Protein backbone atom coordinates (compact mmCIF):
# COMPACT_ATOMS: atom_id res chain seq x y z
CA UNK A 1 80.55 -194.19 -148.80
CA UNK A 2 78.96 -191.43 -150.74
CA UNK A 3 77.24 -192.31 -154.07
CA UNK A 4 76.45 -189.78 -156.84
CA UNK A 5 74.84 -190.30 -160.20
CA UNK A 6 76.50 -188.62 -163.11
CA UNK A 7 77.98 -185.88 -161.00
CA UNK A 8 81.45 -186.71 -162.25
CA UNK A 9 80.29 -185.87 -165.82
CA UNK A 10 80.56 -182.19 -164.82
CA UNK A 11 84.28 -182.70 -164.53
CA UNK A 12 84.38 -184.00 -168.05
CA UNK A 13 82.70 -181.02 -169.58
CA UNK A 14 85.00 -178.23 -170.83
CA UNK A 15 87.71 -180.75 -171.87
CA UNK A 16 88.04 -181.35 -175.62
CA UNK A 17 89.02 -184.76 -176.90
CA UNK A 18 92.27 -184.19 -178.62
CA UNK A 19 92.75 -187.64 -180.10
CA UNK A 20 91.06 -189.86 -182.65
CA UNK A 21 88.95 -192.82 -181.81
CA UNK A 22 86.94 -194.91 -184.40
CA UNK A 23 85.07 -198.12 -184.35
CA UNK A 24 83.73 -199.95 -187.32
CA UNK A 25 85.49 -197.98 -189.92
CA UNK A 26 85.10 -199.20 -193.60
CA UNK A 27 88.68 -199.63 -194.78
CA UNK A 28 89.50 -199.82 -198.53
CA UNK A 29 92.90 -201.53 -198.90
CA UNK A 30 95.26 -200.32 -201.63
CA UNK A 31 95.19 -202.14 -204.94
CA UNK A 32 98.50 -203.86 -205.59
CA UNK A 33 97.70 -204.02 -209.34
CA UNK A 34 96.79 -200.34 -209.75
CA UNK A 35 98.19 -198.97 -212.91
CA UNK A 36 98.90 -202.17 -214.75
CA UNK A 37 95.93 -201.64 -217.15
CA UNK A 38 97.33 -198.77 -219.14
CA UNK A 39 94.88 -199.33 -222.05
CA UNK A 40 91.93 -199.55 -219.78
CA UNK A 41 90.94 -202.84 -221.52
CA UNK A 42 91.13 -205.01 -218.43
CA UNK A 43 94.47 -206.49 -219.25
CA UNK A 44 98.00 -206.00 -218.05
CA UNK A 45 100.10 -203.81 -220.43
CA UNK A 46 102.62 -205.58 -222.68
CA UNK A 47 101.74 -209.02 -221.21
CA UNK A 48 102.14 -211.98 -223.73
CA UNK A 49 99.97 -213.72 -223.61
CA UNK A 50 97.57 -211.30 -222.36
CA UNK A 51 96.85 -211.46 -218.61
CA UNK A 52 93.71 -210.10 -217.09
CA UNK A 53 94.20 -207.60 -214.30
CA UNK A 54 92.93 -209.11 -211.07
CA UNK A 55 90.01 -207.17 -209.34
CA UNK A 56 90.97 -204.97 -206.38
CA UNK A 57 90.70 -206.30 -202.94
CA UNK A 58 87.24 -205.69 -201.41
CA UNK A 59 86.80 -203.22 -198.57
CA UNK A 60 86.43 -204.48 -195.08
CA UNK A 61 85.22 -203.36 -191.65
CA UNK A 62 88.03 -202.29 -189.27
CA UNK A 63 88.27 -203.07 -185.58
CA UNK A 64 85.16 -202.51 -183.60
CA UNK A 65 85.42 -201.52 -179.84
CA UNK A 66 83.19 -202.28 -176.83
CA UNK A 67 81.05 -199.47 -175.67
CA UNK A 68 82.60 -199.58 -172.10
CA UNK A 69 86.06 -199.48 -173.65
CA UNK A 70 85.19 -196.16 -175.48
CA UNK A 71 83.87 -194.80 -172.09
CA UNK A 72 87.15 -195.71 -170.45
CA UNK A 73 89.23 -194.26 -173.35
CA UNK A 74 87.49 -190.92 -172.94
CA UNK A 75 88.16 -190.81 -169.16
CA UNK A 76 91.78 -191.98 -169.67
CA UNK A 77 92.21 -189.04 -172.06
CA UNK A 78 90.86 -186.60 -169.57
CA UNK A 79 93.06 -187.91 -166.73
CA UNK A 80 96.35 -188.32 -168.55
CA UNK A 81 96.47 -184.58 -169.30
CA UNK A 82 98.28 -182.20 -166.92
CA UNK A 83 96.15 -181.26 -163.98
CA UNK A 84 93.36 -183.49 -165.32
CA UNK A 85 93.80 -186.38 -163.03
CA UNK A 86 90.89 -186.38 -160.47
CA UNK A 87 91.61 -189.93 -159.27
CA UNK A 88 88.64 -191.62 -161.05
CA UNK A 89 88.82 -195.41 -161.40
CA UNK A 90 86.47 -196.79 -164.12
CA UNK A 91 85.08 -200.39 -164.02
CA UNK A 92 87.16 -202.64 -166.28
CA UNK A 93 84.57 -205.05 -167.55
CA UNK A 94 83.01 -204.95 -170.99
CA UNK A 95 79.42 -204.45 -171.99
CA UNK A 96 79.55 -206.90 -174.91
CA UNK A 97 78.15 -204.41 -177.39
CA UNK A 98 80.38 -203.14 -180.23
CA UNK A 99 80.11 -199.62 -181.50
CA UNK A 100 79.57 -198.93 -185.18
CA UNK A 101 77.84 -201.06 -187.88
CA UNK A 102 79.18 -204.50 -188.54
CA UNK A 103 79.33 -203.86 -192.29
CA UNK A 104 81.17 -200.53 -191.99
CA UNK A 105 78.36 -198.34 -193.28
CA UNK A 106 77.93 -196.39 -190.01
CA UNK A 107 81.20 -196.20 -187.95
CA UNK A 108 81.33 -194.66 -184.49
CA UNK A 109 83.99 -191.89 -184.45
CA UNK A 110 85.39 -189.33 -182.00
CA UNK A 111 87.89 -186.97 -183.83
CA UNK A 112 89.60 -183.94 -182.51
CA UNK A 113 89.07 -181.92 -185.68
CA UNK A 114 85.30 -182.10 -184.96
CA UNK A 115 85.89 -180.28 -181.61
CA UNK A 116 84.13 -182.90 -179.39
CA UNK A 117 83.74 -182.15 -175.82
CA UNK A 118 84.46 -185.16 -173.52
CA UNK A 119 81.46 -184.56 -171.20
CA UNK A 120 79.14 -184.35 -174.22
CA UNK A 121 80.69 -187.45 -175.74
CA UNK A 122 80.16 -189.50 -172.53
CA UNK A 123 76.60 -188.41 -172.39
CA UNK A 124 75.84 -189.18 -175.94
CA UNK A 125 77.49 -192.63 -175.67
CA UNK A 126 75.46 -193.72 -172.61
CA UNK A 127 72.21 -192.55 -174.23
CA UNK A 128 72.82 -194.12 -177.63
CA UNK A 129 73.50 -197.66 -176.34
CA UNK A 130 72.07 -197.12 -173.61
CA UNK A 131 73.77 -197.86 -170.35
CA UNK A 132 74.16 -196.28 -166.92
CA UNK A 133 76.95 -195.27 -164.54
CA UNK A 134 77.22 -194.31 -160.88
CA UNK A 135 80.13 -192.72 -158.98
CA UNK A 136 81.10 -194.10 -155.63
CA UNK A 137 83.37 -192.40 -153.02
CA UNK A 138 84.74 -194.44 -150.12
CA UNK A 139 87.76 -194.96 -148.00
CA UNK A 140 90.05 -197.32 -149.97
CA UNK A 141 90.84 -199.40 -146.80
CA UNK A 142 90.73 -199.08 -142.96
CA UNK A 143 94.26 -197.85 -142.57
CA UNK A 144 94.56 -195.59 -145.72
CA UNK A 145 94.48 -191.90 -146.04
CA UNK A 146 93.07 -192.01 -149.47
CA UNK A 147 89.49 -191.77 -150.76
CA UNK A 148 88.75 -194.03 -153.68
CA UNK A 149 86.65 -192.53 -156.45
CA UNK A 150 85.16 -195.17 -158.72
CA UNK A 151 82.70 -195.21 -161.60
CA UNK A 152 80.55 -198.32 -161.76
CA UNK A 153 79.13 -199.25 -165.26
CA UNK A 154 75.93 -201.21 -165.74
CA UNK A 155 72.85 -201.78 -167.83
CA UNK A 156 70.11 -200.81 -168.04
CA UNK A 157 70.16 -198.84 -164.77
CA UNK A 158 72.27 -198.74 -161.51
CA UNK A 159 71.55 -197.66 -158.03
CA UNK A 160 68.35 -196.35 -156.49
CA UNK A 161 66.86 -193.16 -155.39
CA UNK A 162 67.97 -192.37 -151.76
CA UNK A 163 65.24 -191.29 -149.18
CA UNK A 164 67.38 -191.94 -146.16
CA UNK A 165 69.61 -188.83 -146.45
CA UNK A 166 68.95 -185.59 -144.65
CA UNK A 167 70.92 -182.39 -144.67
CA UNK A 168 69.49 -179.29 -142.96
CA UNK A 169 70.75 -176.00 -141.56
CA UNK A 170 71.61 -175.94 -137.94
CA UNK A 171 71.24 -179.73 -137.77
CA UNK A 172 74.27 -181.15 -139.84
CA UNK A 173 75.09 -178.24 -142.08
CA UNK A 174 77.10 -175.45 -140.30
CA UNK A 175 76.96 -173.01 -143.14
CA UNK A 176 76.00 -173.10 -146.85
CA UNK A 177 78.60 -172.60 -149.46
CA UNK A 178 77.80 -169.67 -151.75
CA UNK A 179 79.78 -169.62 -154.95
CA UNK A 180 80.62 -166.18 -156.17
CA UNK A 181 80.31 -167.14 -159.76
CA UNK A 182 79.98 -169.87 -162.34
CA UNK A 183 82.87 -171.80 -163.95
CA UNK A 184 81.74 -171.23 -167.49
CA UNK A 185 84.19 -168.29 -167.89
CA UNK A 186 87.21 -170.15 -166.44
CA UNK A 187 90.05 -171.69 -168.55
CA UNK A 188 93.67 -172.32 -168.01
CA UNK A 189 94.31 -173.61 -171.52
CA UNK A 190 93.37 -172.61 -174.94
CA UNK A 191 93.20 -174.79 -177.97
CA UNK A 192 93.30 -172.99 -181.37
CA UNK A 193 92.17 -174.71 -184.56
CA UNK A 194 93.19 -173.01 -187.81
CA UNK A 195 93.38 -173.59 -191.45
CA UNK A 196 92.64 -176.99 -193.08
CA UNK A 197 90.10 -179.82 -192.74
CA UNK A 198 90.28 -183.10 -190.89
CA UNK A 199 93.65 -184.43 -189.87
CA UNK A 200 95.34 -181.71 -191.86
CA UNK A 201 93.83 -178.96 -189.68
CA UNK A 202 96.48 -176.76 -188.09
CA UNK A 203 96.27 -176.63 -184.30
CA UNK A 204 98.14 -175.29 -181.36
CA UNK A 205 97.67 -175.07 -177.52
CA UNK A 206 98.68 -172.52 -174.98
CA UNK A 207 98.30 -172.83 -171.22
CA UNK A 208 98.64 -170.98 -167.96
CA UNK A 209 98.30 -173.62 -165.26
CA UNK A 210 97.74 -172.33 -161.80
CA UNK A 211 97.43 -175.62 -159.87
CA UNK A 212 93.71 -175.80 -160.42
CA UNK A 213 91.77 -178.44 -162.45
CA UNK A 214 92.42 -178.30 -166.18
CA UNK A 215 89.72 -176.47 -168.25
CA UNK A 216 90.06 -175.68 -171.99
CA UNK A 217 88.66 -172.97 -174.11
CA UNK A 218 88.57 -173.75 -177.92
CA UNK A 219 88.99 -170.99 -180.49
CA UNK A 220 88.62 -171.58 -184.25
CA UNK A 221 90.14 -169.19 -186.78
CA UNK A 222 90.34 -170.59 -190.33
CA UNK A 223 92.66 -167.70 -191.50
CA UNK A 224 95.58 -169.02 -189.42
CA UNK A 225 98.11 -171.64 -190.51
CA UNK A 226 101.39 -171.15 -188.91
CA UNK A 227 102.18 -172.25 -185.36
CA UNK A 228 103.30 -168.75 -184.32
CA UNK A 229 100.01 -167.31 -185.57
CA UNK A 230 98.01 -169.94 -183.87
CA UNK A 231 99.73 -169.35 -180.50
CA UNK A 232 99.43 -165.64 -180.76
CA UNK A 233 95.62 -166.00 -181.28
CA UNK A 234 95.64 -168.36 -178.42
CA UNK A 235 97.13 -165.75 -176.10
CA UNK A 236 94.24 -163.58 -177.10
CA UNK A 237 91.60 -166.20 -176.69
CA UNK A 238 91.23 -166.36 -172.86
CA UNK A 239 87.51 -166.23 -171.73
CA UNK A 240 86.35 -162.60 -171.53
CA UNK A 241 89.35 -161.47 -173.75
CA UNK A 242 91.61 -160.94 -170.79
CA UNK A 243 95.34 -161.64 -170.67
CA UNK A 244 94.81 -162.96 -167.23
CA UNK A 245 91.84 -163.84 -165.06
CA UNK A 246 90.83 -165.12 -161.66
CA UNK A 247 87.82 -167.24 -160.92
CA UNK A 248 86.35 -166.65 -157.47
CA UNK A 249 86.66 -169.68 -155.17
CA UNK A 250 83.63 -171.02 -153.22
CA UNK A 251 83.54 -170.80 -149.52
CA UNK A 252 83.47 -174.06 -147.77
CA UNK A 253 81.39 -175.42 -144.79
CA UNK A 254 81.75 -178.57 -142.64
CA UNK A 255 79.32 -181.37 -141.83
CA UNK A 256 79.95 -184.36 -139.67
CA UNK A 257 80.58 -187.58 -141.59
CA UNK A 258 80.86 -190.99 -140.21
CA UNK A 259 84.33 -192.56 -140.40
CA UNK A 260 85.00 -196.27 -141.00
CA UNK A 261 85.61 -196.60 -137.14
CA UNK A 262 82.27 -197.94 -135.61
CA UNK A 263 80.57 -195.35 -133.31
CA UNK A 264 83.09 -192.59 -134.20
CA UNK A 265 82.28 -189.32 -136.07
CA UNK A 266 84.72 -187.07 -137.80
CA UNK A 267 84.90 -184.61 -140.57
CA UNK A 268 86.27 -185.96 -143.82
CA UNK A 269 87.89 -184.29 -146.82
CA UNK A 270 87.26 -184.34 -150.56
CA UNK A 271 83.45 -184.71 -150.86
CA UNK A 272 81.18 -182.37 -152.75
CA UNK A 273 77.48 -183.01 -152.85
CA UNK A 274 74.15 -181.28 -153.32
CA UNK A 275 70.93 -181.68 -151.38
CA UNK A 276 67.45 -180.62 -152.29
CA UNK A 277 64.38 -180.59 -150.06
CA UNK A 278 61.79 -178.47 -148.31
CA UNK A 279 60.52 -177.88 -144.75
CA UNK A 280 60.61 -175.38 -141.87
CA UNK A 281 64.43 -175.55 -141.78
CA UNK A 282 66.54 -174.26 -144.66
CA UNK A 283 67.04 -177.34 -146.57
CA UNK A 284 66.89 -175.98 -150.18
CA UNK A 285 69.71 -176.49 -152.74
CA UNK A 286 72.98 -176.39 -150.91
CA UNK A 287 76.55 -177.56 -151.65
CA UNK A 288 79.22 -178.26 -149.13
CA UNK A 289 82.81 -179.48 -148.79
CA UNK A 290 83.98 -181.34 -145.65
CA UNK A 291 87.51 -181.00 -144.49
CA UNK A 292 89.57 -182.87 -141.91
CA UNK A 293 92.74 -181.71 -140.12
CA UNK A 294 93.21 -185.24 -138.75
CA UNK A 295 92.87 -187.37 -141.78
CA UNK A 296 94.13 -185.80 -144.96
CA UNK A 297 92.76 -187.22 -148.22
CA UNK A 298 94.75 -187.22 -151.41
CA UNK A 299 92.61 -188.05 -154.37
CA UNK A 300 95.53 -187.46 -156.67
CA UNK A 301 99.01 -188.98 -156.39
CA UNK A 302 101.80 -186.40 -155.50
CA UNK A 303 103.60 -187.54 -158.64
CA UNK A 304 100.75 -186.09 -160.74
CA UNK A 305 101.24 -182.50 -159.43
CA UNK A 306 103.53 -180.13 -161.22
CA UNK A 307 103.25 -181.70 -164.67
CA UNK A 308 103.70 -179.58 -167.74
CA UNK A 309 101.81 -179.84 -170.90
CA UNK A 310 103.82 -181.24 -173.79
CA UNK A 311 103.76 -179.31 -177.06
CA UNK A 312 101.04 -180.47 -179.38
CA UNK A 313 102.52 -180.25 -182.94
CA UNK A 314 100.30 -179.35 -185.83
CA UNK A 315 99.16 -182.51 -187.72
């Protein structure tokens, strides 16, 4: 099993939250007697004998959700989008702390028209409560070809610092992976926000999926209102202003990793990690990917591949 703290959050960055989630909203119900007091004297018009207009119903606090439920909702949003499913399973228990003020004065809200980033939203949520999360990677069972990726939730902290891991050149790292570039300029989908405010804001999404993980660039242009204009602007909104682009892929290296079979060593697939250290050998920052021709790992169901993004209508 390989453990990682907050490494999964990097996969959540660059993904906008395109829904609306609110906890502890102050709700003002409609007044069923509105308009009966035509003379503004407190009495119903033309009533004999005069009947006093009842007071309007008081406002109340809407549903409040658990902090862990909000965390899971964000991850669910990420993974239910095309090419966004990275096979993460999030703990299902609750923290027992509800978001938003009980009296409705300070609701917790995540709204698409505010352009929230899922990674930032997860980080802010964990710090404001606070609570911790750790990512675990392990074989799902003895006879399975799948690696299980799970996020454990806990409070106040989880896990411990590992001092029993060693990764060094010429020892258990064959070659260092050297990325040719950063992922900041990569996107295969563009979200365009146009004229209007709040729910009434015009929006459209264009995409060019190439089989890689979904990454979204957001463009705001308040001069645009029609769907056609928004989509035309989206076609011009790819990072770098290019109509098409390619992001260089990292080279991969292999390290031996212990299988579940006692006493046996084999290379495994699907793990990415980073080691930091110092010494006579080259043990500086390095990243690696392990691969296996004998035991393929599918972190994403085959049915999830080849999905197409449904059209997102303007609100």
